């Protein structure tokens, strides 16, 4: 559970949190002037698709941070909704709060939604938590709730399949999946696997970041583990597959066996959008994990050539990102042959 009392009482951090969530949704929020409660409102324009003609809808976002007192947001805390929306041409009103909303205020917003052209929506503390505890927004949760994200050490949430969980452990986000069964594998085993990765000695600014663990349930404590070897684009990797393979113990779980699947992921730490847990790194793992590991490849197989045959280029989000990568890609074996770009192993 996220403890919203980690955010200061004045509400500024909470407003910033809401803005970051909206940005993660691909929206472009903008601050308005100071609202009637001395706080800042947000404006966000949503693009909606239609069979005939696409259109845009402007939302007024009102943020209420009462977590320190535990107070429920009531009718008296939200004033002049229709006037405020009409003044700026907003057709939507989003109330975001760090506690809950009173039944009276909930009814009032429903009446506005039903009887006017203004759509209303509520994000309370539970909704915000759901929005944050997923791959796309995990880095935001780490930024604003550092204490909550480390205690308790394990948080596991069911997904669309009963044998699959979204998991959080001491700042890591990972998918965990069992071949059969609705109970997650041993947390002691999972922690042993993560500690094993943490103990690997790497080059400067390099890291191993776990992404997924698959448990071959019927056969006992047998696991397949996927992790990214994150290497900044300024220098080629300091480690070969065998360098890392020789540091990992296949028997780090009691009475079991671990198969390691390590992928070299080039990164751009200087990018404004960089995060070691970028949602782009998890796209592969949204499908059933049993199939995913064939695509990543076993670390033991790569030691034959001792080359990173599964290397991935960095995520490019801006023109500046592209410029940095163009300058550094030759260090990772990328070259041009005529109009074609290829990689030399």
Protein backbone atom coordinates (compact mmCIF):
# COMPACT_ATOMS: atom_id res chain seq x y z
CA UNK A 1 0.00 0.00 0.00
CA UNK A 2 1.18 3.53 -0.77
CA UNK A 3 1.32 5.88 2.20
CA UNK A 4 0.17 9.28 0.93
CA UNK A 5 1.40 10.84 4.17
CA UNK A 6 4.87 10.70 2.62
CA UNK A 7 3.78 13.73 0.58
CA UNK A 8 4.01 17.14 2.33
CA UNK A 9 0.83 18.67 3.70
CA UNK A 10 0.92 21.74 1.43
CA UNK A 11 -0.15 19.58 -1.53
CA UNK A 12 2.54 20.74 -3.96
CA UNK A 13 4.12 17.29 -4.26
CA UNK A 14 0.69 15.70 -4.68
CA UNK A 15 -0.08 18.09 -7.55
CA UNK A 16 3.26 17.16 -9.13
CA UNK A 17 2.42 13.48 -8.70
CA UNK A 18 -0.90 13.91 -10.51
CA UNK A 19 0.86 15.76 -13.32
CA UNK A 20 3.37 12.90 -13.72
CA UNK A 21 0.56 10.33 -13.87
CA UNK A 22 -1.16 12.32 -16.62
CA UNK A 23 2.13 12.59 -18.52
CA UNK A 24 2.57 8.80 -18.30
CA UNK A 25 -0.86 8.46 -19.89
CA UNK A 26 0.42 10.39 -22.90
CA UNK A 27 -1.41 13.62 -22.00
CA UNK A 28 0.03 17.13 -21.74
CA UNK A 29 -1.17 18.78 -18.52
CA UNK A 30 -0.65 22.47 -17.89
CA UNK A 31 -0.90 24.44 -14.67
CA UNK A 32 -3.64 27.02 -14.28
CA UNK A 33 -3.51 29.91 -11.84
CA UNK A 34 -4.07 29.51 -8.12
CA UNK A 35 -7.47 27.95 -7.39
CA UNK A 36 -10.04 28.95 -4.77
CA UNK A 37 -8.32 26.81 -2.12
CA UNK A 38 -4.88 28.41 -2.80
CA UNK A 39 -3.80 25.32 -4.72
CA UNK A 40 -3.04 25.00 -8.42
CA UNK A 41 -5.43 23.28 -10.79
CA UNK A 42 -4.35 21.40 -13.89
CA UNK A 43 -5.73 21.58 -17.40
CA UNK A 44 -5.36 18.59 -19.68
CA UNK A 45 -6.55 18.16 -23.24
CA UNK A 46 -7.66 14.68 -24.27
CA UNK A 47 -7.82 13.62 -27.90
CA UNK A 48 -10.84 11.40 -28.62
CA UNK A 49 -11.42 9.36 -31.74
CA UNK A 50 -14.69 9.14 -33.65
CA UNK A 51 -15.90 7.22 -36.68
CA UNK A 52 -16.62 10.57 -38.38
CA UNK A 53 -14.28 13.18 -36.94
CA UNK A 54 -11.79 13.13 -34.07
CA UNK A 55 -12.16 15.83 -31.43
CA UNK A 56 -10.53 17.19 -28.29
CA UNK A 57 -11.90 17.46 -24.78
CA UNK A 58 -10.53 19.80 -22.12
CA UNK A 59 -10.50 18.60 -18.50
CA UNK A 60 -10.13 20.68 -15.35
CA UNK A 61 -8.19 18.65 -12.78
CA UNK A 62 -8.69 19.56 -9.10
CA UNK A 63 -6.17 18.02 -6.66
CA UNK A 64 -7.03 17.56 -2.95
CA UNK A 65 -4.36 16.24 -0.58
CA UNK A 66 -5.92 15.51 2.83
CA UNK A 67 -3.89 12.39 3.67
CA UNK A 68 -2.09 13.99 6.64
CA UNK A 69 -5.39 14.66 8.44
CA UNK A 70 -7.21 11.71 6.90
CA UNK A 71 -10.14 13.99 6.05
CA UNK A 72 -12.68 12.90 3.44
CA UNK A 73 -13.19 15.36 0.58
CA UNK A 74 -16.67 16.84 0.99
CA UNK A 75 -19.03 19.18 -0.86
CA UNK A 76 -17.62 22.21 0.94
CA UNK A 77 -14.12 21.47 -0.37
CA UNK A 78 -15.13 21.66 -4.05
CA UNK A 79 -16.81 24.89 -5.09
CA UNK A 80 -18.20 26.36 -8.31
CA UNK A 81 -17.49 23.34 -10.48
CA UNK A 82 -19.71 24.43 -13.38
CA UNK A 83 -18.57 28.06 -13.29
CA UNK A 84 -14.90 27.11 -13.20
CA UNK A 85 -15.30 24.71 -16.12
CA UNK A 86 -17.39 27.10 -18.22
CA UNK A 87 -14.92 29.93 -17.63
CA UNK A 88 -12.13 28.01 -19.39
CA UNK A 89 -14.25 25.96 -21.78
CA UNK A 90 -13.63 22.64 -20.02
CA UNK A 91 -16.05 19.80 -20.75
CA UNK A 92 -14.66 17.52 -18.07
CA UNK A 93 -13.94 17.78 -14.34
CA UNK A 94 -11.50 15.32 -12.71
CA UNK A 95 -11.23 15.29 -8.92
CA UNK A 96 -8.02 13.63 -7.67
CA UNK A 97 -7.64 13.11 -3.93
CA UNK A 98 -5.27 11.29 -1.59
CA UNK A 99 -8.09 10.06 0.67
CA UNK A 100 -11.73 9.35 -0.26
CA UNK A 101 -14.77 11.33 -1.37
CA UNK A 102 -17.95 11.74 0.70
CA UNK A 103 -21.14 10.13 -0.58
CA UNK A 104 -22.75 13.58 -0.81
CA UNK A 105 -19.99 14.92 -3.05
CA UNK A 106 -20.06 11.75 -5.13
CA UNK A 107 -23.80 12.25 -5.73
CA UNK A 108 -23.26 15.90 -6.64
CA UNK A 109 -20.64 14.98 -9.26
CA UNK A 110 -22.93 12.28 -10.67
CA UNK A 111 -25.75 14.88 -11.01
CA UNK A 112 -23.44 17.26 -12.89
CA UNK A 113 -22.40 14.40 -15.14
CA UNK A 114 -26.03 13.45 -15.86
CA UNK A 115 -27.61 16.91 -16.19
CA UNK A 116 -24.94 19.06 -17.86
CA UNK A 117 -22.43 18.83 -20.70
CA UNK A 118 -19.63 18.42 -18.15
CA UNK A 119 -18.27 14.91 -17.58
CA UNK A 120 -17.06 14.19 -14.06
CA UNK A 121 -14.59 11.59 -12.76
CA UNK A 122 -12.99 10.76 -9.39
CA UNK A 123 -9.53 9.34 -8.72
CA UNK A 124 -9.22 8.53 -5.02
CA UNK A 125 -6.23 7.01 -3.19
CA UNK A 126 -7.12 3.47 -4.29
CA UNK A 127 -7.38 4.50 -7.94
CA UNK A 128 -4.06 6.36 -7.82
CA UNK A 129 -2.36 3.30 -6.35
CA UNK A 130 -3.67 1.13 -9.19
CA UNK A 131 -2.44 3.67 -11.73
CA UNK A 132 1.04 3.72 -10.19
CA UNK A 133 1.74 0.05 -9.45
CA UNK A 134 2.29 -1.10 -13.03
CA UNK A 135 5.28 -1.02 -15.40
CA UNK A 136 4.34 2.24 -17.12
CA UNK A 137 4.27 4.29 -13.89
CA UNK A 138 6.48 2.31 -11.52
CA UNK A 139 9.31 4.86 -11.70
CA UNK A 140 6.85 7.59 -10.62
CA UNK A 141 5.85 5.55 -7.57
CA UNK A 142 9.53 5.13 -6.66
CA UNK A 143 10.10 8.87 -6.98
CA UNK A 144 7.20 10.04 -4.82
CA UNK A 145 6.83 7.13 -2.37
CA UNK A 146 10.37 5.88 -1.58
CA UNK A 147 9.44 4.53 1.86
CA UNK A 148 6.25 2.81 0.70
CA UNK A 149 8.08 1.12 -2.15
CA UNK A 150 10.50 -0.61 0.22
CA UNK A 151 8.04 -1.67 2.94
CA UNK A 152 6.75 -4.34 3.03
CA UNK A 153 9.53 -5.81 0.95
CA UNK A 154 7.22 -7.90 -1.26
CA UNK A 155 4.01 -6.71 -2.89
CA UNK A 156 2.28 -9.07 -5.31
CA UNK A 157 -0.84 -8.34 -7.35
CA UNK A 158 -2.91 -10.73 -9.43
CA UNK A 159 -3.15 -9.97 -13.14
CA UNK A 160 -5.55 -11.14 -15.86
CA UNK A 161 -4.31 -14.72 -15.34
CA UNK A 162 -4.41 -16.42 -11.94
CA UNK A 163 -0.92 -17.91 -12.35
CA UNK A 164 0.68 -14.52 -13.03
CA UNK A 165 1.57 -11.65 -10.68
CA UNK A 166 2.92 -8.11 -10.91
CA UNK A 167 5.50 -7.96 -8.15
CA UNK A 168 7.43 -5.28 -6.28
CA UNK A 169 10.50 -5.93 -4.16
CA UNK A 170 12.83 -3.30 -2.69
CA UNK A 171 12.55 -0.98 -5.68
CA UNK A 172 12.37 -3.70 -8.33
CA UNK A 173 9.37 -4.38 -10.54
CA UNK A 174 9.02 -7.83 -12.08
CA UNK A 175 6.53 -10.29 -13.48
CA UNK A 176 6.30 -13.62 -11.66
CA UNK A 177 4.52 -16.58 -13.24
CA UNK A 178 3.99 -20.22 -12.27
CA UNK A 179 3.42 -23.01 -14.72
CA UNK A 180 0.46 -24.26 -12.69
CA UNK A 181 -1.29 -23.11 -9.54
CA UNK A 182 -2.69 -19.93 -8.10
CA UNK A 183 -0.10 -19.45 -5.34
CA UNK A 184 3.12 -17.56 -6.05
CA UNK A 185 6.43 -19.40 -5.69
CA UNK A 186 8.54 -19.25 -2.55
CA UNK A 187 9.44 -15.64 -1.70
CA UNK A 188 12.67 -16.96 -0.17
CA UNK A 189 13.60 -18.42 -3.57
CA UNK A 190 12.68 -15.21 -5.39
CA UNK A 191 14.78 -13.11 -3.04
CA UNK A 192 17.73 -15.50 -3.42
CA UNK A 193 17.57 -15.04 -7.19
CA UNK A 194 17.53 -11.24 -6.91
CA UNK A 195 20.44 -11.24 -4.42
CA UNK A 196 22.42 -13.44 -6.79
CA UNK A 197 22.02 -10.85 -9.55
CA UNK A 198 22.91 -8.01 -7.17
CA UNK A 199 26.21 -9.69 -6.28
CA UNK A 200 27.50 -9.73 -9.88
CA UNK A 201 30.44 -7.34 -10.36
CA UNK A 202 29.94 -5.11 -13.42
CA UNK A 203 31.57 -2.12 -15.10
CA UNK A 204 31.14 1.55 -14.19
CA UNK A 205 27.47 2.68 -14.20
CA UNK A 206 26.35 -0.76 -15.41
CA UNK A 207 23.64 -2.77 -13.66
CA UNK A 208 21.58 -5.95 -13.84
CA UNK A 209 17.85 -5.31 -13.61
CA UNK A 210 15.46 -8.23 -13.14
CA UNK A 211 12.34 -8.31 -15.34
CA UNK A 212 10.64 -11.68 -14.88
CA UNK A 213 10.78 -15.05 -13.11
CA UNK A 214 9.03 -18.18 -14.39
CA UNK A 215 8.51 -21.12 -12.02
CA UNK A 216 8.28 -24.64 -13.46
CA UNK A 217 5.83 -25.57 -10.70
CA UNK A 218 5.34 -29.36 -11.09
CA UNK A 219 9.07 -30.08 -11.05
CA UNK A 220 9.94 -28.24 -7.85
CA UNK A 221 12.11 -25.15 -7.33
CA UNK A 222 13.20 -24.78 -10.96
CA UNK A 223 13.21 -21.24 -12.31
CA UNK A 224 13.88 -19.31 -15.51
CA UNK A 225 15.01 -15.75 -14.86
CA UNK A 226 15.07 -12.79 -17.27
CA UNK A 227 17.17 -9.71 -16.55
CA UNK A 228 18.55 -6.77 -18.50
CA UNK A 229 22.25 -5.98 -18.47
CA UNK A 230 21.97 -2.18 -18.62
CA UNK A 231 24.97 -0.56 -20.31
CA UNK A 232 25.24 3.23 -20.94
CA UNK A 233 25.90 4.08 -24.58
CA UNK A 234 29.16 5.95 -23.85
CA UNK A 235 31.19 2.74 -23.57
CA UNK A 236 30.86 -0.85 -24.81
CA UNK A 237 29.94 -3.47 -22.19
CA UNK A 238 32.64 -4.25 -19.66
CA UNK A 239 31.42 -7.83 -19.33
CA UNK A 240 31.09 -10.66 -21.83
CA UNK A 241 28.36 -13.30 -21.39
CA UNK A 242 30.91 -15.66 -19.83
CA UNK A 243 32.07 -12.94 -17.39
CA UNK A 244 28.55 -12.73 -16.00
CA UNK A 245 27.83 -16.46 -16.36
CA UNK A 246 30.86 -17.33 -14.21
CA UNK A 247 29.56 -15.13 -11.38
CA UNK A 248 26.05 -16.61 -11.25
CA UNK A 249 25.24 -19.70 -9.21
CA UNK A 250 22.64 -21.94 -10.88
CA UNK A 251 21.90 -23.51 -7.48
CA UNK A 252 21.24 -20.27 -5.56
CA UNK A 253 17.78 -21.60 -4.58
CA UNK A 254 17.66 -24.37 -2.01
CA UNK A 255 17.36 -27.75 -3.74
CA UNK A 256 16.58 -26.18 -7.10
CA UNK A 257 18.06 -24.85 -10.32
CA UNK A 258 18.01 -21.48 -12.10
CA UNK A 259 18.34 -20.89 -15.84
CA UNK A 260 19.58 -17.38 -16.54
CA UNK A 261 18.38 -15.32 -19.52
CA UNK A 262 20.37 -12.07 -19.67
CA UNK A 263 19.85 -9.51 -22.43
CA UNK A 264 22.21 -6.60 -23.11
CA UNK A 265 20.15 -3.41 -23.13
CA UNK A 266 21.94 -0.22 -24.19
CA UNK A 267 20.73 2.85 -22.27
CA UNK A 268 20.80 6.65 -22.44
CA UNK A 269 21.02 7.75 -18.76
CA UNK A 270 21.38 11.40 -19.79
CA UNK A 271 17.95 11.37 -21.45
CA UNK A 272 15.15 13.28 -19.73
CA UNK A 273 12.98 10.18 -20.16
CA UNK A 274 15.43 7.56 -18.90
CA UNK A 275 14.38 5.09 -16.23
CA UNK A 276 15.98 1.68 -15.47
CA UNK A 277 12.40 0.37 -15.28
CA UNK A 278 11.07 2.02 -18.44
CA UNK A 279 7.81 0.35 -19.56
CA UNK A 280 9.47 -0.29 -22.91
CA UNK A 281 11.73 -2.85 -21.23
CA UNK A 282 8.68 -4.87 -20.15
CA UNK A 283 6.77 -5.06 -23.44
CA UNK A 284 8.25 -8.48 -24.19
CA UNK A 285 7.08 -9.87 -20.85
CA UNK A 286 3.40 -9.04 -21.24
CA UNK A 287 2.87 -12.34 -23.03
CA UNK A 288 3.07 -15.73 -21.25
CA UNK A 289 6.58 -16.07 -19.85
CA UNK A 290 7.07 -19.66 -20.97
CA UNK A 291 7.21 -18.40 -24.57
CA UNK A 292 9.15 -15.22 -23.80
CA UNK A 293 12.33 -16.92 -22.62
CA UNK A 294 12.92 -18.52 -26.02
CA UNK A 295 13.19 -14.99 -27.44
CA UNK A 296 15.68 -13.80 -24.83
CA UNK A 297 17.97 -16.83 -25.09
CA UNK A 298 19.93 -18.63 -22.39
CA UNK A 299 23.09 -17.02 -21.04
CA UNK A 300 24.87 -20.39 -21.15
CA UNK A 301 24.26 -20.64 -24.92
CA UNK A 302 25.75 -17.18 -25.57
CA UNK A 303 29.00 -18.15 -23.87
CA UNK A 304 29.84 -20.34 -26.90
CA UNK A 305 30.51 -17.24 -29.04
CA UNK A 306 30.93 -15.08 -25.95
CA UNK A 307 29.18 -12.25 -27.78
CA UNK A 308 26.01 -10.39 -26.86
CA UNK A 309 23.95 -11.72 -29.75
CA UNK A 310 20.72 -10.49 -28.11
CA UNK A 311 21.87 -6.87 -27.74
CA UNK A 312 19.11 -4.23 -27.94
CA UNK A 313 19.57 -0.55 -28.95
CA UNK A 314 18.43 2.18 -26.54
CA UNK A 315 14.90 3.51 -26.36
CA UNK A 316 14.71 6.72 -28.38
CA UNK A 317 12.17 9.29 -27.20
CA UNK A 318 13.54 12.64 -28.40
CA UNK A 319 15.71 14.12 -31.13
CA UNK A 320 18.47 14.61 -28.55
CA UNK A 321 18.30 10.90 -27.69
CA UNK A 322 18.77 10.07 -31.36
CA UNK A 323 21.77 12.40 -31.64
CA UNK A 324 23.48 10.78 -28.64
CA UNK A 325 22.90 7.30 -30.03
CA UNK A 326 24.12 8.21 -33.53
CA UNK A 327 27.37 9.37 -31.97
CA UNK A 328 27.90 6.24 -29.86
CA UNK A 329 26.42 3.33 -31.85
CA UNK A 330 29.72 2.44 -33.54
CA UNK A 331 31.04 1.38 -30.12
CA UNK A 332 28.45 -1.40 -30.12
CA UNK A 333 29.27 -2.71 -33.59
CA UNK A 334 26.65 -0.85 -35.61
CA UNK A 335 27.80 0.23 -39.06
CA UNK A 336 26.37 1.17 -42.44
CA UNK A 337 26.69 -0.79 -45.67
CA UNK A 338 25.28 1.46 -48.35
CA UNK A 339 21.78 2.44 -47.19
CA UNK A 340 21.53 -0.46 -44.78
CA UNK A 341 22.54 -0.41 -41.13
CA UNK A 342 23.89 -3.63 -39.67
CA UNK A 343 25.71 -4.85 -36.61
CA UNK A 344 29.09 -6.55 -36.70
CA UNK A 345 29.58 -9.14 -33.95
